[in-house]
PDB file of N, CA and C in Angstrom:
ATOM      1  N   UNK A   1     116.627 150.529 168.098  1.00  0.00           N
ATOM      2  CA  UNK A   1     117.498 151.237 169.000  1.00  0.00           C
ATOM      3  C   UNK A   1     117.854 152.590 168.380  1.00  0.00           C
ATOM      4  N   UNK A   2     117.783 153.597 169.185  1.00  0.00           N
ATOM      5  CA  UNK A   2     118.115 154.938 168.718  1.00  0.00           C
ATOM      6  C   UNK A   2     119.628 155.126 168.708  1.00  0.00           C
ATOM      7  N   UNK A   3     120.139 155.735 167.638  1.00  0.00           N
ATOM      8  CA  UNK A   3     121.580 155.942 167.544  1.00  0.00           C
ATOM      9  C   UNK A   3     121.947 157.392 167.298  1.00  0.00           C
ATOM     10  N   UNK A   4     121.030 158.172 166.787  1.00  0.00           N
ATOM     11  CA  UNK A   4     121.277 159.584 166.537  1.00  0.00           C
ATOM     12  C   UNK A   4     121.258 160.344 167.860  1.00  0.00           C
ATOM     13  N   UNK A   5     122.269 161.165 168.099  1.00  0.00           N
ATOM     14  CA  UNK A   5     122.386 161.834 169.405  1.00  0.00           C
ATOM     15  C   UNK A   5     121.224 162.779 169.684  1.00  0.00           C
ATOM     16  N   UNK A   6     120.781 163.519 168.678  1.00  0.00           N
ATOM     17  CA  UNK A   6     119.666 164.447 168.891  1.00  0.00           C
ATOM     18  C   UNK A   6     118.378 163.685 169.206  1.00  0.00           C
ATOM     19  N   UNK A   7     118.169 162.577 168.515  1.00  0.00           N
ATOM     20  CA  UNK A   7     116.980 161.756 168.768  1.00  0.00           C
ATOM     21  C   UNK A   7     117.016 161.172 170.167  1.00  0.00           C
ATOM     22  N   UNK A   8     118.185 160.771 170.614  1.00  0.00           N
ATOM     23  CA  UNK A   8     118.330 160.242 171.979  1.00  0.00           C
ATOM     24  C   UNK A   8     117.998 161.317 173.001  1.00  0.00           C
ATOM     25  N   UNK A   9     118.413 162.545 172.752  1.00  0.00           N
ATOM     26  CA  UNK A   9     118.077 163.644 173.668  1.00  0.00           C
ATOM     27  C   UNK A   9     116.564 163.870 173.732  1.00  0.00           C
ATOM     28  N   UNK A  10     115.909 163.817 172.580  1.00  0.00           N
ATOM     29  CA  UNK A  10     114.450 163.950 172.566  1.00  0.00           C
ATOM     30  C   UNK A  10     113.800 162.799 173.335  1.00  0.00           C
ATOM     31  N   UNK A  11     114.319 161.593 173.150  1.00  0.00           N
ATOM     32  CA  UNK A  11     113.793 160.428 173.866  1.00  0.00           C
ATOM     33  C   UNK A  11     113.944 160.615 175.370  1.00  0.00           C
ATOM     34  N   UNK A  12     115.081 161.093 175.808  1.00  0.00           N
ATOM     35  CA  UNK A  12     115.295 161.325 177.242  1.00  0.00           C
ATOM     36  C   UNK A  12     114.335 162.372 177.778  1.00  0.00           C
ATOM     37  N   UNK A  13     114.108 163.423 177.014  1.00  0.00           N
ATOM     38  CA  UNK A  13     113.160 164.457 177.444  1.00  0.00           C
ATOM     39  C   UNK A  13     111.745 163.902 177.555  1.00  0.00           C
ATOM     40  N   UNK A  14     111.364 163.104 176.566  1.00  0.00           N
ATOM     41  CA  UNK A  14     110.016 162.531 176.570  1.00  0.00           C
ATOM     42  C   UNK A  14     109.831 161.596 177.754  1.00  0.00           C
ATOM     43  N   UNK A  15     110.778 160.698 177.975  1.00  0.00           N
ATOM     44  CA  UNK A  15     110.634 159.724 179.061  1.00  0.00           C
ATOM     45  C   UNK A  15     110.683 160.405 180.423  1.00  0.00           C
ATOM     46  N   UNK A  16     111.507 161.436 180.562  1.00  0.00           N
ATOM     47  CA  UNK A  16     111.507 162.193 181.819  1.00  0.00           C
ATOM     48  C   UNK A  16     110.163 162.873 182.033  1.00  0.00           C
ATOM     49  N   UNK A  17     109.590 163.390 180.966  1.00  0.00           N
ATOM     50  CA  UNK A  17     108.276 164.035 181.067  1.00  0.00           C
ATOM     51  C   UNK A  17     107.204 163.013 181.420  1.00  0.00           C
ATOM     52  N   UNK A  18     107.304 161.792 180.870  1.00  0.00           N
ATOM     53  CA  UNK A  18     106.348 160.743 181.215  1.00  0.00           C
ATOM     54  C   UNK A  18     106.362 160.452 182.708  1.00  0.00           C
ATOM     55  N   UNK A  19     107.538 160.312 183.257  1.00  0.00           N
ATOM     56  CA  UNK A  19     107.653 160.010 184.694  1.00  0.00           C
ATOM     57  C   UNK A  19     107.104 161.173 185.516  1.00  0.00           C
ATOM     58  N   UNK A  20     107.411 162.381 185.115  1.00  0.00           N
ATOM     59  CA  UNK A  20     106.907 163.554 185.833  1.00  0.00           C
ATOM     60  C   UNK A  20     105.380 163.622 185.754  1.00  0.00           C
ATOM     61  N   UNK A  21     104.832 163.385 184.576  1.00  0.00           N
ATOM     62  CA  UNK A  21     103.373 163.389 184.424  1.00  0.00           C
ATOM     63  C   UNK A  21     102.732 162.284 185.257  1.00  0.00           C
ATOM     64  N   UNK A  22     103.340 161.102 185.284  1.00  0.00           N
ATOM     65  CA  UNK A  22     102.822 159.988 186.082  1.00  0.00           C
ATOM     66  C   UNK A  22     102.796 160.357 187.559  1.00  0.00           C
ATOM     67  N   UNK A  23     103.873 160.978 188.028  1.00  0.00           N
ATOM     68  CA  UNK A  23     103.956 161.373 189.441  1.00  0.00           C
ATOM     69  C   UNK A  23     102.957 162.469 189.786  1.00  0.00           C
ATOM     70  N   UNK A  24     102.537 163.241 188.807  1.00  0.00           N
ATOM     71  CA  UNK A  24     101.531 164.281 189.029  1.00  0.00           C
ATOM     72  C   UNK A  24     100.109 163.736 188.970  1.00  0.00           C
ATOM     73  N   UNK A  25      99.965 162.469 188.594  1.00  0.00           N
ATOM     74  CA  UNK A  25      98.648 161.862 188.580  1.00  0.00           C
ATOM     75  C   UNK A  25      98.037 161.664 187.211  1.00  0.00           C
ATOM     76  N   UNK A  26      98.760 161.999 186.152  1.00  0.00           N
ATOM     77  CA  UNK A  26      98.255 161.763 184.805  1.00  0.00           C
ATOM     78  C   UNK A  26      98.376 160.279 184.483  1.00  0.00           C
ATOM     79  N   UNK A  27      97.557 159.800 183.562  1.00  0.00           N
ATOM     80  CA  UNK A  27      97.562 158.387 183.209  1.00  0.00           C
ATOM     81  C   UNK A  27      97.926 158.201 181.742  1.00  0.00           C
ATOM     82  N   UNK A  28      97.890 156.961 181.293  1.00  0.00           N
ATOM     83  CA  UNK A  28      98.403 156.592 179.971  1.00  0.00           C
ATOM     84  C   UNK A  28      97.777 157.392 178.830  1.00  0.00           C
ATOM     85  N   UNK A  29      96.481 157.595 178.864  1.00  0.00           N
ATOM     86  CA  UNK A  29      95.828 158.333 177.774  1.00  0.00           C
ATOM     87  C   UNK A  29      96.362 159.756 177.672  1.00  0.00           C
ATOM     88  N   UNK A  30      96.548 160.391 178.822  1.00  0.00           N
ATOM     89  CA  UNK A  30      97.071 161.757 178.831  1.00  0.00           C
ATOM     90  C   UNK A  30      98.514 161.800 178.325  1.00  0.00           C
ATOM     91  N   UNK A  31      99.302 160.811 178.728  1.00  0.00           N
ATOM     92  CA  UNK A  31     100.694 160.785 178.299  1.00  0.00           C
ATOM     93  C   UNK A  31     100.805 160.450 176.815  1.00  0.00           C
ATOM     94  N   UNK A  32      99.878 159.648 176.295  1.00  0.00           N
ATOM     95  CA  UNK A  32      99.875 159.353 174.866  1.00  0.00           C
ATOM     96  C   UNK A  32      99.551 160.617 174.076  1.00  0.00           C
ATOM     97  N   UNK A  33      98.627 161.422 174.584  1.00  0.00           N
ATOM     98  CA  UNK A  33      98.316 162.689 173.929  1.00  0.00           C
ATOM     99  C   UNK A  33      99.515 163.623 173.975  1.00  0.00           C
ATOM    100  N   UNK A  34     100.241 163.623 175.094  1.00  0.00           N
ATOM    101  CA  UNK A  34     101.464 164.425 175.208  1.00  0.00           C
ATOM    102  C   UNK A  34     102.468 163.985 174.146  1.00  0.00           C
ATOM    103  N   UNK A  35     102.655 162.672 174.011  1.00  0.00           N
ATOM    104  CA  UNK A  35     103.594 162.148 173.022  1.00  0.00           C
ATOM    105  C   UNK A  35     103.168 162.533 171.611  1.00  0.00           C
ATOM    106  N   UNK A  36     101.884 162.410 171.313  1.00  0.00           N
ATOM    107  CA  UNK A  36     101.396 162.776 169.982  1.00  0.00           C
ATOM    108  C   UNK A  36     101.666 164.244 169.674  1.00  0.00           C
ATOM    109  N   UNK A  37     101.445 165.097 170.649  1.00  0.00           N
ATOM    110  CA  UNK A  37     101.715 166.518 170.460  1.00  0.00           C
ATOM    111  C   UNK A  37     103.194 166.816 170.299  1.00  0.00           C
ATOM    112  N   UNK A  38     104.012 166.143 171.078  1.00  0.00           N
ATOM    113  CA  UNK A  38     105.464 166.328 171.002  1.00  0.00           C
ATOM    114  C   UNK A  38     105.972 165.919 169.622  1.00  0.00           C
ATOM    115  N   UNK A  39     105.498 164.766 169.149  1.00  0.00           N
ATOM    116  CA  UNK A  39     105.930 164.290 167.838  1.00  0.00           C
ATOM    117  C   UNK A  39     105.417 165.194 166.722  1.00  0.00           C
ATOM    118  N   UNK A  40     104.201 165.691 166.865  1.00  0.00           N
ATOM    119  CA  UNK A  40     103.662 166.616 165.865  1.00  0.00           C
ATOM    120  C   UNK A  40     104.507 167.885 165.802  1.00  0.00           C
ATOM    121  N   UNK A  41     104.948 168.359 166.944  1.00  0.00           N
ATOM    122  CA  UNK A  41     105.798 169.556 166.971  1.00  0.00           C
ATOM    123  C   UNK A  41     107.145 169.284 166.301  1.00  0.00           C
ATOM    124  N   UNK A  42     107.704 168.089 166.525  1.00  0.00           N
ATOM    125  CA  UNK A  42     108.958 167.739 165.860  1.00  0.00           C
ATOM    126  C   UNK A  42     108.773 167.658 164.351  1.00  0.00           C
ATOM    127  N   UNK A  43     107.662 167.089 163.917  1.00  0.00           N
ATOM    128  CA  UNK A  43     107.391 166.985 162.475  1.00  0.00           C
ATOM    129  C   UNK A  43     107.197 168.365 161.858  1.00  0.00           C
ATOM    130  N   UNK A  44     106.434 169.198 162.542  1.00  0.00           N
ATOM    131  CA  UNK A  44     106.130 170.529 162.020  1.00  0.00           C
ATOM    132  C   UNK A  44     107.381 171.407 161.973  1.00  0.00           C
ATOM    133  N   UNK A  45     108.234 171.249 162.969  1.00  0.00           N
ATOM    134  CA  UNK A  45     109.434 172.074 163.042  1.00  0.00           C
ATOM    135  C   UNK A  45     110.610 171.529 162.253  1.00  0.00           C
ATOM    136  N   UNK A  46     110.435 170.363 161.629  1.00  0.00           N
ATOM    137  CA  UNK A  46     111.530 169.726 160.890  1.00  0.00           C
ATOM    138  C   UNK A  46     112.800 169.631 161.737  1.00  0.00           C
ATOM    139  N   UNK A  47     112.623 169.296 163.007  1.00  0.00           N
ATOM    140  CA  UNK A  47     113.750 169.234 163.931  1.00  0.00           C
ATOM    141  C   UNK A  47     114.693 168.090 163.589  1.00  0.00           C
ATOM    142  N   UNK A  48     114.138 166.945 163.235  1.00  0.00           N
ATOM    143  CA  UNK A  48     114.939 165.791 162.836  1.00  0.00           C
ATOM    144  C   UNK A  48     114.248 165.115 161.658  1.00  0.00           C
ATOM    145  N   UNK A  49     114.929 164.196 161.030  1.00  0.00           N
ATOM    146  CA  UNK A  49     114.401 163.503 159.853  1.00  0.00           C
ATOM    147  C   UNK A  49     113.141 162.706 160.204  1.00  0.00           C
ATOM    148  N   UNK A  50     112.218 162.601 159.252  1.00  0.00           N
ATOM    149  CA  UNK A  50     110.962 161.871 159.515  1.00  0.00           C
ATOM    150  C   UNK A  50     111.155 160.421 159.950  1.00  0.00           C
ATOM    151  N   UNK A  51     112.144 159.711 159.387  1.00  0.00           N
ATOM    152  CA  UNK A  51     112.340 158.322 159.796  1.00  0.00           C
ATOM    153  C   UNK A  51     112.862 158.242 161.231  1.00  0.00           C
ATOM    154  N   UNK A  52     113.595 159.256 161.676  1.00  0.00           N
ATOM    155  CA  UNK A  52     114.052 159.294 163.072  1.00  0.00           C
ATOM    156  C   UNK A  52     112.888 159.581 164.013  1.00  0.00           C
ATOM    157  N   UNK A  53     111.955 160.406 163.573  1.00  0.00           N
ATOM    158  CA  UNK A  53     110.762 160.673 164.371  1.00  0.00           C
ATOM    159  C   UNK A  53     109.937 159.397 164.516  1.00  0.00           C
ATOM    160  N   UNK A  54     109.862 158.624 163.439  1.00  0.00           N
ATOM    161  CA  UNK A  54     109.131 157.356 163.496  1.00  0.00           C
ATOM    162  C   UNK A  54     109.792 156.399 164.491  1.00  0.00           C
ATOM    163  N   UNK A  55     111.107 156.304 164.457  1.00  0.00           N
ATOM    164  CA  UNK A  55     111.817 155.446 165.414  1.00  0.00           C
ATOM    165  C   UNK A  55     111.630 155.954 166.838  1.00  0.00           C
ATOM    166  N   UNK A  56     111.678 157.266 167.002  1.00  0.00           N
ATOM    167  CA  UNK A  56     111.460 157.863 168.314  1.00  0.00           C
ATOM    168  C   UNK A  56     110.072 157.518 168.824  1.00  0.00           C
ATOM    169  N   UNK A  57     109.075 157.579 167.961  1.00  0.00           N
ATOM    170  CA  UNK A  57     107.715 157.234 168.350  1.00  0.00           C
ATOM    171  C   UNK A  57     107.622 155.771 168.790  1.00  0.00           C
ATOM    172  N   UNK A  58     108.266 154.888 168.073  1.00  0.00           N
ATOM    173  CA  UNK A  58     108.249 153.470 168.437  1.00  0.00           C
ATOM    174  C   UNK A  58     108.873 153.238 169.810  1.00  0.00           C
ATOM    175  N   UNK A  59     110.037 153.843 170.031  1.00  0.00           N
ATOM    176  CA  UNK A  59     110.738 153.645 171.304  1.00  0.00           C
ATOM    177  C   UNK A  59     109.989 154.294 172.466  1.00  0.00           C
ATOM    178  N   UNK A  60     109.459 155.481 172.249  1.00  0.00           N
ATOM    179  CA  UNK A  60     108.720 156.168 173.312  1.00  0.00           C
ATOM    180  C   UNK A  60     107.423 155.431 173.635  1.00  0.00           C
ATOM    181  N   UNK A  61     106.767 154.879 172.624  1.00  0.00           N
ATOM    182  CA  UNK A  61     105.551 154.094 172.867  1.00  0.00           C
ATOM    183  C   UNK A  61     105.878 152.828 173.638  1.00  0.00           C
ATOM    184  N   UNK A  62     106.987 152.202 173.301  1.00  0.00           N
ATOM    185  CA  UNK A  62     107.401 151.005 174.024  1.00  0.00           C
ATOM    186  C   UNK A  62     107.664 151.346 175.501  1.00  0.00           C
ATOM    187  N   UNK A  63     108.304 152.473 175.742  1.00  0.00           N
ATOM    188  CA  UNK A  63     108.557 152.917 177.116  1.00  0.00           C
ATOM    189  C   UNK A  63     107.246 153.200 177.834  1.00  0.00           C
ATOM    190  N   UNK A  64     106.341 153.875 177.149  1.00  0.00           N
ATOM    191  CA  UNK A  64     105.076 154.280 177.756  1.00  0.00           C
ATOM    192  C   UNK A  64     104.229 153.084 178.173  1.00  0.00           C
ATOM    193  N   UNK A  65     104.199 152.048 177.352  1.00  0.00           N
ATOM    194  CA  UNK A  65     103.333 150.909 177.644  1.00  0.00           C
ATOM    195  C   UNK A  65     104.012 149.811 178.455  1.00  0.00           C
ATOM    196  N   UNK A  66     105.244 150.039 178.890  1.00  0.00           N
ATOM    197  CA  UNK A  66     105.924 149.099 179.786  1.00  0.00           C
ATOM    198  C   UNK A  66     105.617 149.518 181.223  1.00  0.00           C
ATOM    199  N   UNK A  67     104.793 148.744 181.884  1.00  0.00           N
ATOM    200  CA  UNK A  67     104.312 149.108 183.226  1.00  0.00           C
ATOM    201  C   UNK A  67     105.435 149.206 184.252  1.00  0.00           C
ATOM    202  N   UNK A  68     106.537 148.515 184.023  1.00  0.00           N
ATOM    203  CA  UNK A  68     107.621 148.551 185.007  1.00  0.00           C
ATOM    204  C   UNK A  68     108.268 149.929 185.100  1.00  0.00           C
ATOM    205  N   UNK A  69     108.110 150.764 184.101  1.00  0.00           N
ATOM    206  CA  UNK A  69     108.681 152.107 184.151  1.00  0.00           C
ATOM    207  C   UNK A  69     107.926 153.037 185.090  1.00  0.00           C
ATOM    208  N   UNK A  70     106.710 152.655 185.453  1.00  0.00           N
ATOM    209  CA  UNK A  70     105.896 153.517 186.296  1.00  0.00           C
ATOM    210  C   UNK A  70     105.509 152.846 187.604  1.00  0.00           C
ATOM    211  N   UNK A  71     106.161 151.755 187.933  1.00  0.00           N
ATOM    212  CA  UNK A  71     105.861 151.054 189.185  1.00  0.00           C
ATOM    213  C   UNK A  71     106.440 151.845 190.347  1.00  0.00           C
ATOM    214  N   UNK A  72     105.607 152.044 191.340  1.00  0.00           N
ATOM    215  CA  UNK A  72     106.059 152.750 192.537  1.00  0.00           C
ATOM    216  C   UNK A  72     106.755 151.759 193.457  1.00  0.00           C
ATOM    217  N   UNK A  73     107.913 152.133 193.912  1.00  0.00           N
ATOM    218  CA  UNK A  73     108.592 151.273 194.862  1.00  0.00           C
ATOM    219  C   UNK A  73     107.995 151.487 196.237  1.00  0.00           C
ATOM    220  N   UNK A  74     107.693 150.413 196.893  1.00  0.00           N
ATOM    221  CA  UNK A  74     107.098 150.476 198.225  1.00  0.00           C
ATOM    222  C   UNK A  74     108.213 150.400 199.260  1.00  0.00           C
ATOM    223  N   UNK A  75     108.219 151.315 200.205  1.00  0.00           N
ATOM    224  CA  UNK A  75     109.245 151.245 201.239  1.00  0.00           C
ATOM    225  C   UNK A  75     109.018 150.023 202.126  1.00  0.00           C
ATOM    226  N   UNK A  76     110.104 149.479 202.575  1.00  0.00           N
ATOM    227  CA  UNK A  76     110.015 148.326 203.471  1.00  0.00           C
ATOM    228  C   UNK A  76     109.441 148.786 204.815  1.00  0.00           C
ATOM    229  N   UNK A  77     108.450 148.075 205.336  1.00  0.00           N
ATOM    230  CA  UNK A  77     107.933 148.447 206.646  1.00  0.00           C
ATOM    231  C   UNK A  77     108.978 148.159 207.726  1.00  0.00           C
ATOM    232  N   UNK A  78     109.015 149.041 208.682  1.00  0.00           N
ATOM    233  CA  UNK A  78     109.975 148.825 209.762  1.00  0.00           C
ATOM    234  C   UNK A  78     109.491 147.692 210.657  1.00  0.00           C
ATOM    235  N   UNK A  79     110.398 146.816 211.037  1.00  0.00           N
ATOM    236  CA  UNK A  79     109.967 145.701 211.884  1.00  0.00           C
ATOM    237  C   UNK A  79     109.521 146.188 213.262  1.00  0.00           C
ATOM    238  N   UNK A  80     108.517 145.550 213.766  1.00  0.00           N
ATOM    239  CA  UNK A  80     107.986 145.889 215.092  1.00  0.00           C
ATOM    240  C   UNK A  80     108.784 145.097 216.131  1.00  0.00           C
ATOM    241  N   UNK A  81     109.320 145.798 217.068  1.00  0.00           N
ATOM    242  CA  UNK A  81     110.066 145.123 218.132  1.00  0.00           C
ATOM    243  C   UNK A  81     109.199 145.083 219.393  1.00  0.00           C
ATOM    244  N   UNK A  82     108.879 143.909 219.813  1.00  0.00           N
ATOM    245  CA  UNK A  82     108.113 143.751 221.039  1.00  0.00           C
ATOM    246  C   UNK A  82     109.094 143.563 222.194  1.00  0.00           C
ATOM    247  N   UNK A  83     109.025 144.457 223.142  1.00  0.00           N
ATOM    248  CA  UNK A  83     109.936 144.394 224.273  1.00  0.00           C
ATOM    249  C   UNK A  83     109.211 143.954 225.529  1.00  0.00           C
ATOM    250  N   UNK A  84     108.119 143.233 225.388  1.00  0.00           N
ATOM    251  CA  UNK A  84     107.368 142.807 226.551  1.00  0.00           C
ATOM    252  C   UNK A  84     107.835 141.479 227.032  1.00  0.00           C
TER     253      UNK A  84
END
């Protein structure tokens, strides 16, 4: 579980980006590459501690591979009323 506020903000940004990428038609491989690049940028920029980046990677990967996060809700079909 993430407890550092800055790490939580990064997690929220990543997961929001995942949903946006999914809605644009990107799939898991593309989103994994996005995550790898995002984490590499955090490591290179020394934005947060390395152990926090590792925890962020674990949590973001768990989010990414949970299919329920990307399930499309299907609207209920309207009932057909026969007036004959």
